[in-house]
Protein backbone atom coordinates (compact mmCIF):
# COMPACT_ATOMS: atom_id res chain seq x y z
CA MET A 1 116.58 70.08 105.16
CA GLU A 2 117.11 73.79 104.33
CA LYS A 3 115.24 76.37 106.10
CA TRP A 4 112.25 77.68 104.05
CA ALA A 5 109.45 80.22 104.51
CA LEU A 6 105.86 80.31 103.50
CA VAL A 7 104.27 83.50 102.20
CA PHE A 8 100.93 84.67 100.87
CA PRO A 9 100.00 87.70 98.69
CA GLY A 10 97.14 90.01 99.26
CA GLN A 11 94.66 92.06 97.24
CA GLY A 12 95.64 92.71 93.60
CA SER A 13 96.49 89.07 92.95
CA GLN A 14 92.91 88.21 91.91
CA PHE A 15 91.76 87.34 88.47
CA VAL A 16 88.71 85.64 86.95
CA GLY A 17 89.27 81.91 86.52
CA MET A 18 91.75 81.61 89.39
CA GLY A 19 91.97 78.16 90.68
CA ALA A 20 89.90 76.52 87.83
CA ASP A 21 92.20 73.45 87.46
CA LEU A 22 92.63 73.06 91.20
CA PHE A 23 88.67 73.03 91.45
CA SER A 24 88.47 70.32 88.90
CA GLU A 25 91.05 67.98 90.43
CA PHE A 26 91.20 68.27 94.19
CA ASP A 27 88.50 67.51 96.70
CA THR A 28 90.34 69.38 99.34
CA PHE A 29 90.24 72.58 97.34
CA ARG A 30 86.56 72.31 96.63
CA ASP A 31 85.73 71.52 100.31
CA VAL A 32 87.35 74.73 101.53
CA PHE A 33 85.30 76.88 99.12
CA SER A 34 82.23 74.84 100.18
CA ARG A 35 82.77 75.56 103.79
CA ALA A 36 83.55 79.23 103.02
CA GLN A 37 80.12 79.53 101.31
CA ASP A 38 78.41 77.88 104.26
CA ILE A 39 80.25 80.47 106.63
CA THR A 40 79.71 83.62 104.72
CA GLY A 41 76.54 82.97 102.63
CA MET A 42 78.53 84.15 99.55
CA ASP A 43 79.25 81.95 96.48
CA ILE A 44 83.03 82.74 96.59
CA ALA A 45 83.84 79.95 94.04
CA ARG A 46 81.60 81.53 91.47
CA SER A 47 83.30 84.93 92.01
CA CYS A 48 86.67 83.29 91.39
CA LEU A 49 85.75 81.26 88.44
CA GLU A 50 83.13 83.47 86.59
CA GLY A 51 83.70 87.01 88.02
CA PRO A 52 82.87 89.41 86.47
CA GLN A 53 86.17 91.25 87.05
CA ASP A 54 84.69 94.46 88.21
CA ALA A 55 82.69 92.58 90.98
CA LEU A 56 85.81 90.65 91.91
CA ASP A 57 87.82 93.73 92.29
CA GLN A 58 85.29 95.15 95.01
CA THR A 59 87.17 94.62 98.29
CA ILE A 60 84.19 92.83 99.87
CA HIS A 61 84.58 90.07 97.29
CA THR A 62 88.36 90.41 96.62
CA GLN A 63 89.46 89.69 100.31
CA LEU A 64 87.31 86.70 100.74
CA ALA A 65 88.11 85.31 97.15
CA VAL A 66 91.95 85.61 97.64
CA LEU A 67 91.80 84.41 101.19
CA THR A 68 89.67 81.29 100.34
CA PHE A 69 92.03 80.48 97.36
CA GLU A 70 95.09 80.58 99.61
CA LEU A 71 93.69 78.47 102.37
CA ALA A 72 92.51 75.93 99.94
CA ALA A 73 95.73 75.89 97.95
CA TYR A 74 97.70 75.61 101.23
CA GLY A 75 95.63 72.61 102.20
CA ILE A 76 96.64 70.68 99.01
CA PHE A 77 100.25 71.83 99.27
CA LYS A 78 100.39 70.53 102.86
CA GLU A 79 98.94 67.12 101.76
CA HIS A 80 101.75 66.93 99.16
CA ILE A 81 104.66 67.87 101.38
CA GLY A 82 103.59 65.79 104.51
CA ALA A 83 105.32 66.65 107.74
CA THR A 84 107.77 69.05 106.24
CA ALA A 85 107.27 72.45 107.91
CA PRO A 86 108.45 75.86 107.27
CA THR A 87 110.77 77.76 109.45
CA VAL A 88 108.74 81.01 109.35
CA ALA A 89 105.60 82.34 107.56
CA ALA A 90 104.30 85.72 106.47
CA GLY A 91 101.69 87.40 104.41
CA HIS A 92 101.41 90.60 102.55
CA SER A 93 98.55 92.69 103.98
CA LEU A 94 95.52 90.22 103.65
CA GLY A 95 97.88 87.42 103.18
CA GLU A 96 98.90 87.79 106.90
CA TYR A 97 95.61 86.13 107.78
CA SER A 98 96.52 83.18 105.51
CA ALA A 99 99.95 82.92 107.26
CA LEU A 100 98.12 82.79 110.74
CA TYR A 101 95.92 80.14 109.52
CA ALA A 102 98.88 78.16 108.15
CA ALA A 103 100.57 78.54 111.50
CA GLY A 104 97.49 77.17 113.45
CA SER A 105 96.73 80.45 115.28
CA LEU A 106 93.31 80.67 113.49
CA GLY A 107 90.93 77.95 112.35
CA LEU A 108 89.32 78.05 109.15
CA GLU A 109 85.92 79.43 110.26
CA GLU A 110 87.73 82.03 112.49
CA THR A 111 89.98 83.15 109.58
CA ILE A 112 87.01 83.49 107.17
CA ASN A 113 84.94 85.35 109.66
CA ILE A 114 87.52 87.88 110.62
CA VAL A 115 88.46 88.58 107.08
CA GLN A 116 84.77 89.09 106.12
CA ALA A 117 84.58 91.55 109.01
CA ARG A 118 87.79 93.17 107.74
CA ALA A 119 86.54 93.53 104.21
CA LYS A 120 83.20 94.92 105.40
CA ARG A 121 85.08 97.54 107.41
CA HIS A 122 87.17 98.39 104.40
CA GLN A 123 84.26 98.60 102.08
CA GLU A 124 82.11 100.76 104.28
CA ALA A 125 84.97 103.14 105.26
CA LEU A 126 84.55 105.40 102.41
CA PRO A 127 82.14 106.22 99.52
CA PRO A 128 83.18 104.58 96.18
CA GLY A 129 85.80 106.56 94.30
CA ILE A 130 87.16 108.53 97.20
CA GLY A 131 90.28 106.45 97.73
CA ALA A 132 92.75 104.78 95.48
CA MET A 133 96.23 103.08 95.41
CA ALA A 134 99.11 102.93 93.02
CA ALA A 135 102.49 101.40 92.72
CA VAL A 136 105.52 103.66 92.18
CA LEU A 137 108.69 102.19 90.73
CA GLY A 138 112.07 103.72 90.30
CA LEU A 139 112.32 105.97 93.46
CA ASP A 140 113.66 105.17 96.98
CA TYR A 141 111.60 105.59 100.25
CA GLU A 142 112.71 109.22 100.89
CA ALA A 143 111.87 110.34 97.39
CA VAL A 144 108.47 108.85 97.39
CA ALA A 145 107.67 110.23 100.90
CA LYS A 146 108.58 113.68 99.62
CA ILE A 147 106.21 113.33 96.59
CA CYS A 148 103.37 112.12 98.91
CA THR A 149 103.88 115.28 101.08
CA THR A 150 103.89 117.48 97.97
CA CYS A 151 100.68 115.89 96.47
CA SER A 152 98.81 115.72 99.72
CA LEU A 153 96.39 118.76 100.35
CA PRO A 154 94.04 119.52 103.19
CA GLY A 155 91.37 116.84 103.16
CA GLU A 156 93.17 114.85 100.48
CA PRO A 157 95.98 113.02 102.32
CA LEU A 158 98.34 110.51 100.79
CA ASP A 159 100.44 107.87 102.64
CA LEU A 160 103.09 105.17 101.97
CA ALA A 161 101.14 101.93 101.98
CA ASN A 162 103.56 99.23 101.01
CA LEU A 163 107.37 99.30 101.43
CA ASN A 164 107.79 96.40 99.04
CA ALA A 165 111.34 96.39 97.80
CA PRO A 166 114.12 98.84 96.84
CA ASN A 167 112.50 101.31 94.38
CA GLN A 168 109.05 99.66 94.61
CA ILE A 169 106.56 101.39 96.92
CA VAL A 170 102.81 101.53 96.93
CA ILE A 171 100.97 104.82 97.86
CA SER A 172 97.43 105.01 99.22
CA GLY A 173 95.02 107.77 100.03
CA ASN A 174 92.68 110.26 98.45
CA ALA A 175 92.12 109.45 94.72
CA ARG A 176 92.78 113.00 93.66
CA ALA A 177 96.01 112.98 95.49
CA VAL A 178 96.97 109.69 93.85
CA GLU A 179 96.19 111.14 90.47
CA ARG A 180 98.37 114.16 91.12
CA VAL A 181 101.32 111.74 91.66
CA GLY A 182 100.55 110.16 88.32
CA GLU A 183 100.54 113.56 86.61
CA MET A 184 103.90 114.42 87.84
CA ALA A 185 105.46 111.00 87.50
CA ARG A 186 107.82 111.75 84.69
CA GLU A 187 109.22 114.97 86.06
CA ALA A 188 109.56 113.34 89.52
CA GLY A 189 111.75 110.50 88.09
CA ILE A 190 109.12 107.80 88.57
CA LYS A 191 109.83 104.98 85.94
CA ILE A 192 106.52 103.17 86.26
CA PHE A 193 103.26 104.35 87.87
CA VAL A 194 100.52 101.80 88.04
CA PRO A 195 96.99 102.27 89.61
CA LEU A 196 96.05 99.11 91.44
CA PRO A 197 92.69 97.23 91.13
CA ILE A 198 91.82 97.87 94.70
CA SER A 199 88.70 99.85 95.64
CA VAL A 200 89.69 101.23 98.99
CA PRO A 201 92.81 103.18 100.15
CA CYS A 202 94.40 100.37 102.21
CA HIS A 203 97.11 101.13 104.80
CA SER A 204 96.23 104.86 104.84
CA ARG A 205 95.06 107.23 107.54
CA LEU A 206 91.65 107.41 105.64
CA LEU A 207 90.86 104.12 107.31
CA GLY A 208 91.28 105.28 110.87
CA LYS A 209 87.63 104.68 111.73
CA ALA A 210 87.60 101.32 110.07
CA ALA A 211 90.72 100.24 112.19
CA GLU A 212 88.86 101.34 115.30
CA LEU A 213 85.68 99.35 114.43
CA PHE A 214 87.86 96.40 113.30
CA GLY A 215 89.39 96.37 116.77
CA ASP A 216 85.98 95.44 118.10
CA ASP A 217 85.86 92.49 115.65
CA LEU A 218 89.24 91.27 116.66
CA ALA A 219 88.33 91.38 120.34
CA LYS A 220 85.86 88.41 119.59
CA ILE A 221 88.51 86.20 118.07
CA ASP A 222 90.44 83.69 120.05
CA PHE A 223 94.06 83.48 118.71
CA GLN A 224 96.00 80.25 119.53
CA PRO A 225 99.84 80.17 119.81
CA CYS A 226 101.44 79.84 116.43
CA LEU A 227 103.06 76.54 115.62
CA ILE A 228 105.48 78.35 113.42
CA PRO A 229 106.56 81.92 113.80
CA VAL A 230 104.63 84.50 111.76
CA ILE A 231 106.22 87.88 111.01
CA SER A 232 104.03 90.96 111.56
CA ASN A 233 103.52 93.42 108.58
CA TYR A 234 103.13 96.33 111.06
CA ASP A 235 106.45 95.58 112.93
CA PRO A 236 108.63 92.90 111.34
CA SER A 237 110.76 92.59 114.41
CA ARG A 238 107.75 91.09 116.23
CA PHE A 239 106.26 87.48 115.88
CA HIS A 240 102.55 87.00 116.26
CA SER A 241 101.22 85.65 119.63
CA PRO A 242 97.83 85.30 121.26
CA GLU A 243 98.74 88.40 123.34
CA ASN A 244 99.68 90.74 120.44
CA SER A 245 97.80 89.58 117.31
CA ARG A 246 94.87 91.86 117.79
CA GLU A 247 97.03 94.89 118.18
CA LEU A 248 99.25 93.99 115.25
CA LEU A 249 96.23 93.34 112.89
CA ARG A 250 94.34 96.38 113.88
CA ARG A 251 97.47 98.60 113.38
CA GLN A 252 98.05 96.92 110.10
CA ILE A 253 94.88 98.56 108.67
CA VAL A 254 96.38 102.17 108.80
CA SER A 255 100.12 101.38 108.75
CA PRO A 256 102.54 100.49 105.86
CA VAL A 257 103.26 96.87 105.03
CA ARG A 258 106.94 96.73 105.63
CA TRP A 259 107.68 93.83 103.23
CA GLN A 260 111.33 94.52 102.51
CA GLU A 261 112.12 94.35 106.24
CA THR A 262 110.03 91.11 106.41
CA VAL A 263 112.28 89.44 103.78
CA GLU A 264 115.34 90.73 105.54
CA ARG A 265 114.04 89.14 108.71
CA MET A 266 113.56 85.90 106.99
CA THR A 267 117.16 86.05 105.59
CA ALA A 268 118.45 86.70 109.10
CA LEU A 269 116.60 83.61 110.31
CA GLY A 270 118.63 81.54 107.77
CA VAL A 271 115.86 81.08 105.19
CA THR A 272 117.15 80.22 101.84
CA THR A 273 113.90 79.11 100.07
CA VAL A 274 110.44 80.87 99.94
CA VAL A 275 107.30 79.23 98.93
CA GLU A 276 104.58 81.61 97.66
CA ILE A 277 101.01 80.50 97.61
CA GLY A 278 98.40 82.76 95.88
CA PRO A 279 96.36 83.38 92.73
CA ARG A 280 99.21 85.07 90.99
CA ARG A 281 103.00 85.03 91.60
CA VAL A 282 103.26 88.44 93.16
CA LEU A 283 105.69 88.36 96.12
CA SER A 284 108.42 86.29 94.40
CA GLY A 285 109.48 89.24 92.17
CA LEU A 286 109.69 91.52 95.27
CA ILE A 287 111.74 88.97 97.16
CA LYS A 288 114.07 88.66 94.25
CA ASN A 289 114.76 92.35 94.37
CA ILE A 290 115.56 92.16 98.08
CA ASN A 291 117.63 88.96 98.10
CA ARG A 292 118.75 87.64 94.79
CA GLN A 293 120.11 84.51 96.45
CA MET A 294 116.74 83.35 97.67
CA ARG A 295 115.38 80.18 95.91
CA LEU A 296 111.75 80.90 94.97
CA LEU A 297 108.93 78.34 94.50
CA TYR A 298 105.36 79.01 93.70
CA VAL A 299 101.87 77.34 94.19
CA GLY A 300 98.95 78.81 92.13
CA ASP A 301 97.82 75.96 89.89
CA ARG A 302 98.08 72.30 89.46
CA GLU A 303 101.43 72.35 87.56
CA SER A 304 103.12 74.75 89.99
CA LEU A 305 101.80 72.86 92.97
CA LEU A 306 103.36 69.58 91.90
CA LYS A 307 106.54 71.30 90.82
CA ALA A 308 106.93 73.24 94.15
CA ALA A 309 106.22 70.21 96.31
CA ALA A 310 108.73 67.95 94.32
CA SER A 311 111.36 70.66 94.42
CA LEU A 312 111.00 71.28 98.20
CA LEU A 313 111.09 67.65 99.12
CA ASN A 314 114.08 66.77 96.84
CA ARG A 315 116.46 69.36 98.18
């Protein structure tokens, strides 16, 4: 069988109603959400199915909602593909935890607990409205880095958060600095400037204290050897292991997600198909911009689940 990769998106993929048909049809899906509620004390299923959207977009809810959806959807997908296993796995930011779960490094309770701690550190890092994130399309890495330097002021820093694909970069930092980029977008040559529905400035230096505190949370987690390699967001040249996962995940909080390099690493490993599991189809478009030869499958609802499983098994 061809080599294939498993990938999971992060925050920004959430929407009210996500997983509705999977809830109605699959016991496995419902069971994961039930266990997540027992672990966290939060009705995550209700957040996913009923919202409201502004509450779902608060990072303390977003991270647990997207994570639980991905763990539950992965469970159903695994049932449908049997012993067929990916060559490698990766996740985008929050999705890295779903990848570690799929690889057997973390159990369900450990994954949910550490992401709840991560979401809490993010939520408490800054007062509401101080930070923001936005996607910048149409400029390369060097050009966006120069704009970030120009728009940063003392006390109002701006960083490159996601190096997603050629000419697709996400910036993160002080909200006023992000607004300045939007104001100068046309004259700077930015084709599209999109503020993201994320309530904290992820992958920016503003989360330095959060990363430090999260390091204490990670110290309590017992990571197991990965059954399949998991590529690190912080350094795509490194695979996760029980010895380095704490460092890689702590550094991820304040470092850019190097997604383009992640896809290039998959390609170098011989991967020709990628299966994305998440509430929305987010990473597939980025992957297509990096490697147009990659075959892309998606799992986000009943129809796409059945189609992806059949397509993977019939190649």
